[in-house]
PDB file of N, CA and C in Angstrom:
ATOM      1  N   MET A   1     130.268 120.134 172.637  1.00  0.00           N
ATOM      2  CA  MET A   1     129.445 121.078 173.361  1.00  0.00           C
ATOM      3  C   MET A   1     129.488 121.852 172.611  1.00  0.00           C
ATOM      4  N   THR A   2     128.073 122.705 172.459  1.00  0.00           N
ATOM      5  CA  THR A   2     127.831 123.751 171.171  1.00  0.00           C
ATOM      6  C   THR A   2     128.370 125.040 172.564  1.00  0.00           C
ATOM      7  N   ALA A   3     128.414 126.127 171.955  1.00  0.00           N
ATOM      8  CA  ALA A   3     128.945 127.683 172.578  1.00  0.00           C
ATOM      9  C   ALA A   3     127.278 127.986 173.473  1.00  0.00           C
ATOM     10  N   LEU A   4     126.542 127.766 173.263  1.00  0.00           N
ATOM     11  CA  LEU A   4     125.119 127.985 173.598  1.00  0.00           C
ATOM     12  C   LEU A   4     125.250 126.876 175.253  1.00  0.00           C
ATOM     13  N   GLU A   5     125.498 125.902 174.963  1.00  0.00           N
ATOM     14  CA  GLU A   5     125.636 125.140 176.176  1.00  0.00           C
ATOM     15  C   GLU A   5     127.197 125.317 177.768  1.00  0.00           C
ATOM     16  N   MET A   6     128.074 125.846 176.511  1.00  0.00           N
ATOM     17  CA  MET A   6     129.280 126.326 177.545  1.00  0.00           C
ATOM     18  C   MET A   6     128.984 127.590 178.233  1.00  0.00           C
ATOM     19  N   ASN A   7     128.394 128.272 178.029  1.00  0.00           N
ATOM     20  CA  ASN A   7     127.409 129.642 178.192  1.00  0.00           C
ATOM     21  C   ASN A   7     126.762 129.365 179.481  1.00  0.00           C
ATOM     22  N   ALA A   8     125.471 128.162 179.356  1.00  0.00           N
ATOM     23  CA  ALA A   8     124.744 127.839 180.593  1.00  0.00           C
ATOM     24  C   ALA A   8     125.565 126.996 181.544  1.00  0.00           C
ATOM     25  N   GLU A   9     127.024 126.409 181.113  1.00  0.00           N
ATOM     26  CA  GLU A   9     127.405 125.851 182.456  1.00  0.00           C
ATOM     27  C   GLU A   9     128.437 126.784 183.061  1.00  0.00           C
ATOM     28  N   LEU A  10     128.832 128.071 182.121  1.00  0.00           N
ATOM     29  CA  LEU A  10     129.644 128.395 183.270  1.00  0.00           C
ATOM     30  C   LEU A  10     128.921 129.529 183.835  1.00  0.00           C
ATOM     31  N   LEU A  11     127.839 130.112 183.599  1.00  0.00           N
ATOM     32  CA  LEU A  11     126.603 130.891 184.293  1.00  0.00           C
ATOM     33  C   LEU A  11     126.101 130.156 185.709  1.00  0.00           C
ATOM     34  N   ARG A  12     125.761 128.542 185.051  1.00  0.00           N
ATOM     35  CA  ARG A  12     125.965 127.774 186.592  1.00  0.00           C
ATOM     36  C   ARG A  12     126.738 127.622 186.936  1.00  0.00           C
ATOM     37  N   ASN A  13     128.600 127.178 187.360  1.00  0.00           N
ATOM     38  CA  ASN A  13     129.143 127.683 187.814  1.00  0.00           C
ATOM     39  C   ASN A  13     129.368 128.927 188.629  1.00  0.00           C
ATOM     40  N   MET A  14     129.354 129.300 187.996  1.00  0.00           N
ATOM     41  CA  MET A  14     129.338 131.152 188.364  1.00  0.00           C
ATOM     42  C   MET A  14     128.494 131.343 189.578  1.00  0.00           C
ATOM     43  N   SER A  15     127.143 131.108 189.320  1.00  0.00           N
ATOM     44  CA  SER A  15     125.989 131.037 190.627  1.00  0.00           C
ATOM     45  C   SER A  15     126.623 130.356 191.596  1.00  0.00           C
ATOM     46  N   ILE A  16     127.500 129.128 191.243  1.00  0.00           N
ATOM     47  CA  ILE A  16     127.472 128.377 192.371  1.00  0.00           C
ATOM     48  C   ILE A  16     128.325 129.513 193.463  1.00  0.00           C
ATOM     49  N   ILE A  17     129.531 130.125 192.754  1.00  0.00           N
ATOM     50  CA  ILE A  17     130.555 131.309 193.619  1.00  0.00           C
ATOM     51  C   ILE A  17     130.315 132.249 194.035  1.00  0.00           C
ATOM     52  N   ALA A  18     129.134 132.441 193.340  1.00  0.00           N
ATOM     53  CA  ALA A  18     128.585 134.288 193.420  1.00  0.00           C
ATOM     54  C   ALA A  18     129.143 134.617 194.682  1.00  0.00           C
ATOM     55  N   GLU A  19     128.772 133.721 195.828  1.00  0.00           N
ATOM     56  CA  GLU A  19     128.140 134.182 196.922  1.00  0.00           C
ATOM     57  C   GLU A  19     129.585 134.183 197.481  1.00  0.00           C
ATOM     58  N   ASP A  20     130.498 133.836 197.048  1.00  0.00           N
ATOM     59  CA  ASP A  20     131.921 133.753 197.856  1.00  0.00           C
ATOM     60  C   ASP A  20     132.574 134.870 197.306  1.00  0.00           C
ATOM     61  N   GLU A  21     133.036 135.672 197.950  1.00  0.00           N
ATOM     62  CA  GLU A  21     134.187 136.969 197.865  1.00  0.00           C
ATOM     63  C   GLU A  21     135.267 136.225 197.081  1.00  0.00           C
ATOM     64  N   VAL A  22     135.880 135.442 197.430  1.00  0.00           N
ATOM     65  CA  VAL A  22     137.599 135.440 197.467  1.00  0.00           C
ATOM     66  C   VAL A  22     137.519 133.913 196.167  1.00  0.00           C
ATOM     67  N   LEU A  23     136.517 133.166 195.991  1.00  0.00           N
ATOM     68  CA  LEU A  23     136.117 132.408 194.606  1.00  0.00           C
ATOM     69  C   LEU A  23     136.359 133.313 193.523  1.00  0.00           C
ATOM     70  N   LEU A  24     134.535 134.178 193.749  1.00  0.00           N
ATOM     71  CA  LEU A  24     135.183 135.791 192.767  1.00  0.00           C
ATOM     72  C   LEU A  24     135.808 136.346 192.126  1.00  0.00           C
ATOM     73  N   LYS A  25     136.968 136.800 193.305  1.00  0.00           N
ATOM     74  CA  LYS A  25     138.231 137.190 192.763  1.00  0.00           C
ATOM     75  C   LYS A  25     139.123 136.360 191.958  1.00  0.00           C
ATOM     76  N   ARG A  26     139.342 134.663 193.242  1.00  0.00           N
ATOM     77  CA  ARG A  26     139.786 133.869 191.882  1.00  0.00           C
ATOM     78  C   ARG A  26     139.199 133.516 190.587  1.00  0.00           C
ATOM     79  N   ALA A  27     138.328 133.647 190.701  1.00  0.00           N
ATOM     80  CA  ALA A  27     137.597 133.712 188.978  1.00  0.00           C
ATOM     81  C   ALA A  27     137.523 134.805 188.298  1.00  0.00           C
ATOM     82  N   ALA A  28     138.213 135.768 188.924  1.00  0.00           N
ATOM     83  CA  ALA A  28     137.963 137.258 188.047  1.00  0.00           C
ATOM     84  C   ALA A  28     139.613 137.406 187.371  1.00  0.00           C
ATOM     85  N   ARG A  29     140.571 136.871 188.290  1.00  0.00           N
ATOM     86  CA  ARG A  29     142.038 137.492 187.878  1.00  0.00           C
ATOM     87  C   ARG A  29     142.364 136.435 186.811  1.00  0.00           C
ATOM     88  N   TYR A  30     142.054 134.823 186.822  1.00  0.00           N
ATOM     89  CA  TYR A  30     142.240 133.739 186.155  1.00  0.00           C
ATOM     90  C   TYR A  30     141.001 134.270 184.675  1.00  0.00           C
ATOM     91  N   LEU A  31     140.051 134.860 184.928  1.00  0.00           N
ATOM     92  CA  LEU A  31     139.360 135.432 183.283  1.00  0.00           C
ATOM     93  C   LEU A  31     140.247 136.654 182.892  1.00  0.00           C
ATOM     94  N   ARG A  32     140.896 137.348 183.438  1.00  0.00           N
ATOM     95  CA  ARG A  32     141.313 138.560 183.097  1.00  0.00           C
ATOM     96  C   ARG A  32     143.578 137.988 182.571  1.00  0.00           C
ATOM     97  N   LYS A  33     143.412 136.852 183.178  1.00  0.00           N
ATOM     98  CA  LYS A  33     144.981 136.377 182.250  1.00  0.00           C
ATOM     99  C   LYS A  33     144.474 135.392 181.079  1.00  0.00           C
ATOM    100  N   LEU A  34     143.471 134.826 180.668  1.00  0.00           N
ATOM    101  CA  LEU A  34     142.975 134.224 179.865  1.00  0.00           C
ATOM    102  C   LEU A  34     142.423 135.438 178.571  1.00  0.00           C
ATOM    103  N   VAL A  35     142.064 136.169 178.829  1.00  0.00           N
ATOM    104  CA  VAL A  35     141.674 137.489 178.132  1.00  0.00           C
ATOM    105  C   VAL A  35     143.765 138.060 177.390  1.00  0.00           C
ATOM    106  N   ALA A  36     144.205 137.903 178.402  1.00  0.00           N
ATOM    107  CA  ALA A  36     145.516 138.731 178.113  1.00  0.00           C
ATOM    108  C   ALA A  36     146.352 137.532 177.000  1.00  0.00           C
ATOM    109  N   GLU A  37     145.855 136.581 177.022  1.00  0.00           N
ATOM    110  CA  GLU A  37     146.367 135.667 176.396  1.00  0.00           C
ATOM    111  C   GLU A  37     146.014 135.910 174.981  1.00  0.00           C
ATOM    112  N   LYS A  38     144.043 135.484 175.043  1.00  0.00           N
ATOM    113  CA  LYS A  38     143.912 135.973 173.796  1.00  0.00           C
ATOM    114  C   LYS A  38     144.654 137.034 173.150  1.00  0.00           C
ATOM    115  N   GLN A  39     144.380 138.345 173.649  1.00  0.00           N
ATOM    116  CA  GLN A  39     144.537 139.226 173.374  1.00  0.00           C
ATOM    117  C   GLN A  39     146.268 139.395 172.363  1.00  0.00           C
ATOM    118  N   ALA A  40     147.201 138.579 173.004  1.00  0.00           N
ATOM    119  CA  ALA A  40     148.904 138.158 172.790  1.00  0.00           C
ATOM    120  C   ALA A  40     148.379 136.857 171.657  1.00  0.00           C
ATOM    121  N   ASP A  41     148.001 136.989 171.288  1.00  0.00           N
ATOM    122  CA  ASP A  41     147.571 135.823 170.372  1.00  0.00           C
ATOM    123  C   ASP A  41     148.456 136.496 169.166  1.00  0.00           C
ATOM    124  N   ASP A  42     149.485 136.328 168.462  1.00  0.00           N
ATOM    125  CA  ASP A  42     150.219 136.712 167.233  1.00  0.00           C
ATOM    126  C   ASP A  42     149.681 136.321 166.240  1.00  0.00           C
ATOM    127  N   THR A  43     149.026 135.063 166.194  1.00  0.00           N
ATOM    128  CA  THR A  43     148.421 134.520 164.818  1.00  0.00           C
ATOM    129  C   THR A  43     147.607 135.365 164.672  1.00  0.00           C
ATOM    130  N   GLU A  44     146.668 135.932 164.893  1.00  0.00           N
ATOM    131  CA  GLU A  44     145.030 136.040 164.941  1.00  0.00           C
ATOM    132  C   GLU A  44     145.467 137.670 164.032  1.00  0.00           C
ATOM    133  N   LEU A  45     144.594 137.577 162.957  1.00  0.00           N
ATOM    134  CA  LEU A  45     145.170 138.524 162.270  1.00  0.00           C
ATOM    135  C   LEU A  45     143.477 139.691 162.709  1.00  0.00           C
ATOM    136  N   SER A  46     143.857 140.955 162.352  1.00  0.00           N
ATOM    137  CA  SER A  46     142.578 141.648 162.113  1.00  0.00           C
ATOM    138  C   SER A  46     141.948 141.873 160.920  1.00  0.00           C
ATOM    139  N   LYS A  47     140.942 142.449 161.233  1.00  0.00           N
ATOM    140  CA  LYS A  47     140.132 142.299 159.905  1.00  0.00           C
ATOM    141  C   LYS A  47     140.793 143.094 158.858  1.00  0.00           C
ATOM    142  N   GLU A  48     141.338 144.003 158.925  1.00  0.00           N
ATOM    143  CA  GLU A  48     142.242 144.179 158.224  1.00  0.00           C
ATOM    144  C   GLU A  48     143.370 143.565 157.230  1.00  0.00           C
ATOM    145  N   GLU A  49     144.351 143.152 158.578  1.00  0.00           N
ATOM    146  CA  GLU A  49     145.273 142.244 157.788  1.00  0.00           C
ATOM    147  C   GLU A  49     144.821 141.351 156.714  1.00  0.00           C
ATOM    148  N   PHE A  50     143.680 140.662 157.786  1.00  0.00           N
ATOM    149  CA  PHE A  50     143.268 139.151 156.889  1.00  0.00           C
ATOM    150  C   PHE A  50     142.702 139.638 155.319  1.00  0.00           C
ATOM    151  N   PHE A  51     141.959 141.310 154.954  1.00  0.00           N
ATOM    152  CA  PHE A  51     141.672 141.397 153.709  1.00  0.00           C
ATOM    153  C   PHE A  51     143.104 141.897 153.114  1.00  0.00           C
ATOM    154  N   ALA A  52     143.891 142.409 153.368  1.00  0.00           N
ATOM    155  CA  ALA A  52     144.975 142.960 152.600  1.00  0.00           C
ATOM    156  C   ALA A  52     145.818 141.596 152.293  1.00  0.00           C
ATOM    157  N   ARG A  53     145.732 140.205 153.461  1.00  0.00           N
ATOM    158  CA  ARG A  53     146.342 139.196 152.362  1.00  0.00           C
ATOM    159  C   ARG A  53     145.348 138.678 151.116  1.00  0.00           C
ATOM    160  N   VAL A  54     144.018 138.765 151.708  1.00  0.00           N
ATOM    161  CA  VAL A  54     143.049 138.043 150.284  1.00  0.00           C
ATOM    162  C   VAL A  54     143.453 139.197 149.093  1.00  0.00           C
ATOM    163  N   ASP A  55     144.103 140.406 149.104  1.00  0.00           N
ATOM    164  CA  ASP A  55     143.681 140.949 147.922  1.00  0.00           C
ATOM    165  C   ASP A  55     144.862 140.643 147.079  1.00  0.00           C
ATOM    166  N   GLU A  56     146.142 140.961 148.189  1.00  0.00           N
ATOM    167  CA  GLU A  56     147.668 140.060 147.977  1.00  0.00           C
ATOM    168  C   GLU A  56     147.561 138.938 147.336  1.00  0.00           C
ATOM    169  N   ALA A  57     146.546 137.818 147.622  1.00  0.00           N
ATOM    170  CA  ALA A  57     146.785 136.673 146.899  1.00  0.00           C
ATOM    171  C   ALA A  57     145.837 136.679 145.434  1.00  0.00           C
ATOM    172  N   ARG A  58     144.348 137.906 145.530  1.00  0.00           N
ATOM    173  CA  ARG A  58     144.195 137.638 144.564  1.00  0.00           C
ATOM    174  C   ARG A  58     144.976 138.707 143.310  1.00  0.00           C
ATOM    175  N   GLU A  59     146.164 139.590 144.097  1.00  0.00           N
ATOM    176  CA  GLU A  59     146.556 140.269 142.646  1.00  0.00           C
ATOM    177  C   GLU A  59     147.688 138.630 142.442  1.00  0.00           C
ATOM    178  N   GLN A  60     148.422 138.276 143.477  1.00  0.00           N
ATOM    179  CA  GLN A  60     148.899 136.624 142.785  1.00  0.00           C
ATOM    180  C   GLN A  60     148.250 135.842 141.945  1.00  0.00           C
ATOM    181  N   ILE A  61     146.964 135.719 142.027  1.00  0.00           N
ATOM    182  CA  ILE A  61     146.459 134.921 141.285  1.00  0.00           C
ATOM    183  C   ILE A  61     146.522 135.580 139.734  1.00  0.00           C
ATOM    184  N   ARG A  62     146.100 137.210 139.877  1.00  0.00           N
ATOM    185  CA  ARG A  62     146.777 137.902 138.321  1.00  0.00           C
ATOM    186  C   ARG A  62     147.001 137.631 137.787  1.00  0.00           C
ATOM    187  N   GLN A  63     148.293 138.057 138.535  1.00  0.00           N
ATOM    188  CA  GLN A  63     150.180 137.981 137.896  1.00  0.00           C
ATOM    189  C   GLN A  63     150.599 136.618 137.648  1.00  0.00           C
ATOM    190  N   GLY A  64     149.217 135.047 138.211  1.00  0.00           N
ATOM    191  CA  GLY A  64     150.135 133.911 137.624  1.00  0.00           C
ATOM    192  C   GLY A  64     151.020 133.389 138.716  1.00  0.00           C
ATOM    193  N   GLU A  65     151.266 133.877 139.415  1.00  0.00           N
ATOM    194  CA  GLU A  65     152.114 133.181 140.449  1.00  0.00           C
ATOM    195  C   GLU A  65     151.048 132.399 141.815  1.00  0.00           C
ATOM    196  N   ALA A  66     149.798 131.902 141.449  1.00  0.00           N
ATOM    197  CA  ALA A  66     149.412 131.482 142.672  1.00  0.00           C
ATOM    198  C   ALA A  66     149.262 129.553 141.585  1.00  0.00           C
ATOM    199  N   HIS A  67     149.400 128.688 142.573  1.00  0.00           N
ATOM    200  CA  HIS A  67     149.182 127.312 142.679  1.00  0.00           C
ATOM    201  C   HIS A  67     147.765 126.945 142.822  1.00  0.00           C
ATOM    202  N   SER A  68     147.445 125.620 142.309  1.00  0.00           N
ATOM    203  CA  SER A  68     146.058 125.460 142.660  1.00  0.00           C
ATOM    204  C   SER A  68     146.384 123.580 142.289  1.00  0.00           C
ATOM    205  N   PHE A  69     145.191 123.499 142.655  1.00  0.00           N
ATOM    206  CA  PHE A  69     145.766 121.929 142.969  1.00  0.00           C
ATOM    207  C   PHE A  69     143.937 121.165 142.876  1.00  0.00           C
ATOM    208  N   ALA A  70     144.091 120.070 141.673  1.00  0.00           N
ATOM    209  CA  ALA A  70     143.030 119.306 141.751  1.00  0.00           C
ATOM    210  C   ALA A  70     142.751 118.596 142.412  1.00  0.00           C
ATOM    211  N   THR A  71     143.272 117.869 143.828  1.00  0.00           N
ATOM    212  CA  THR A  71     143.188 117.216 144.234  1.00  0.00           C
ATOM    213  C   THR A  71     143.745 117.567 145.905  1.00  0.00           C
ATOM    214  N   VAL A  72     142.870 116.850 147.329  1.00  0.00           N
ATOM    215  CA  VAL A  72     143.647 116.807 148.170  1.00  0.00           C
ATOM    216  C   VAL A  72     145.144 116.532 148.396  1.00  0.00           C
ATOM    217  N   GLU A  73     145.558 115.149 147.471  1.00  0.00           N
ATOM    218  CA  GLU A  73     147.033 114.510 147.723  1.00  0.00           C
ATOM    219  C   GLU A  73     147.502 115.490 146.762  1.00  0.00           C
ATOM    220  N   GLU A  74     147.885 116.451 145.801  1.00  0.00           N
ATOM    221  CA  GLU A  74     148.746 117.097 145.240  1.00  0.00           C
ATOM    222  C   GLU A  74     148.814 118.174 146.121  1.00  0.00           C
ATOM    223  N   LEU A  75     147.891 118.314 146.982  1.00  0.00           N
ATOM    224  CA  LEU A  75     147.985 119.649 147.624  1.00  0.00           C
ATOM    225  C   LEU A  75     148.682 119.096 149.241  1.00  0.00           C
ATOM    226  N   ASP A  76     148.584 118.485 149.125  1.00  0.00           N
ATOM    227  CA  ASP A  76     149.805 117.141 150.560  1.00  0.00           C
ATOM    228  C   ASP A  76     150.946 117.199 149.834  1.00  0.00           C
ATOM    229  N   LYS A  77     151.591 116.888 148.356  1.00  0.00           N
ATOM    230  CA  LYS A  77     152.637 116.665 148.193  1.00  0.00           C
ATOM    231  C   LYS A  77     153.230 117.613 148.095  1.00  0.00           C
ATOM    232  N   TYR A  78     152.723 119.010 147.292  1.00  0.00           N
ATOM    233  CA  TYR A  78     153.263 120.260 147.144  1.00  0.00           C
ATOM    234  C   TYR A  78     153.773 120.662 148.929  1.00  0.00           C
ATOM    235  N   ILE A  79     152.799 120.550 149.439  1.00  0.00           N
ATOM    236  CA  ILE A  79     153.307 120.757 150.945  1.00  0.00           C
ATOM    237  C   ILE A  79     154.503 120.347 151.831  1.00  0.00           C
ATOM    238  N   ARG A  80     154.788 119.171 151.596  1.00  0.00           N
ATOM    239  CA  ARG A  80     155.452 117.939 151.835  1.00  0.00           C
ATOM    240  C   ARG A  80     156.773 118.426 151.438  1.00  0.00           C
ATOM    241  N   SER A  81     156.585 119.251 149.986  1.00  0.00           N
ATOM    242  CA  SER A  81     158.117 119.249 149.037  1.00  0.00           C
ATOM    243  C   SER A  81     158.564 120.814 150.084  1.00  0.00           C
ATOM    244  N   LEU A  82     158.179 121.658 150.348  1.00  0.00           N
ATOM    245  CA  LEU A  82     158.245 122.897 150.866  1.00  0.00           C
ATOM    246  C   LEU A  82     159.665 122.668 151.861  1.00  0.00           C
TER     247      LEU A  82
END
């Protein structure tokens, strides 16, 4: 399902419950919970953190500290050796 299809489904479902204040409140509480979970995701990097890691990786490449792999199998073997 594409993002556009999911948005359409969400809007269809919201139109069904739009006249029921109790259901709307429940939906709003659940959405707030989802947003809080998304914001609490410590694996998500900010734009600044992402580019800092890119810069760090480029510096490691310049200093010859990077690893490169010709095949997926080589990469897999390296990862499994860690």
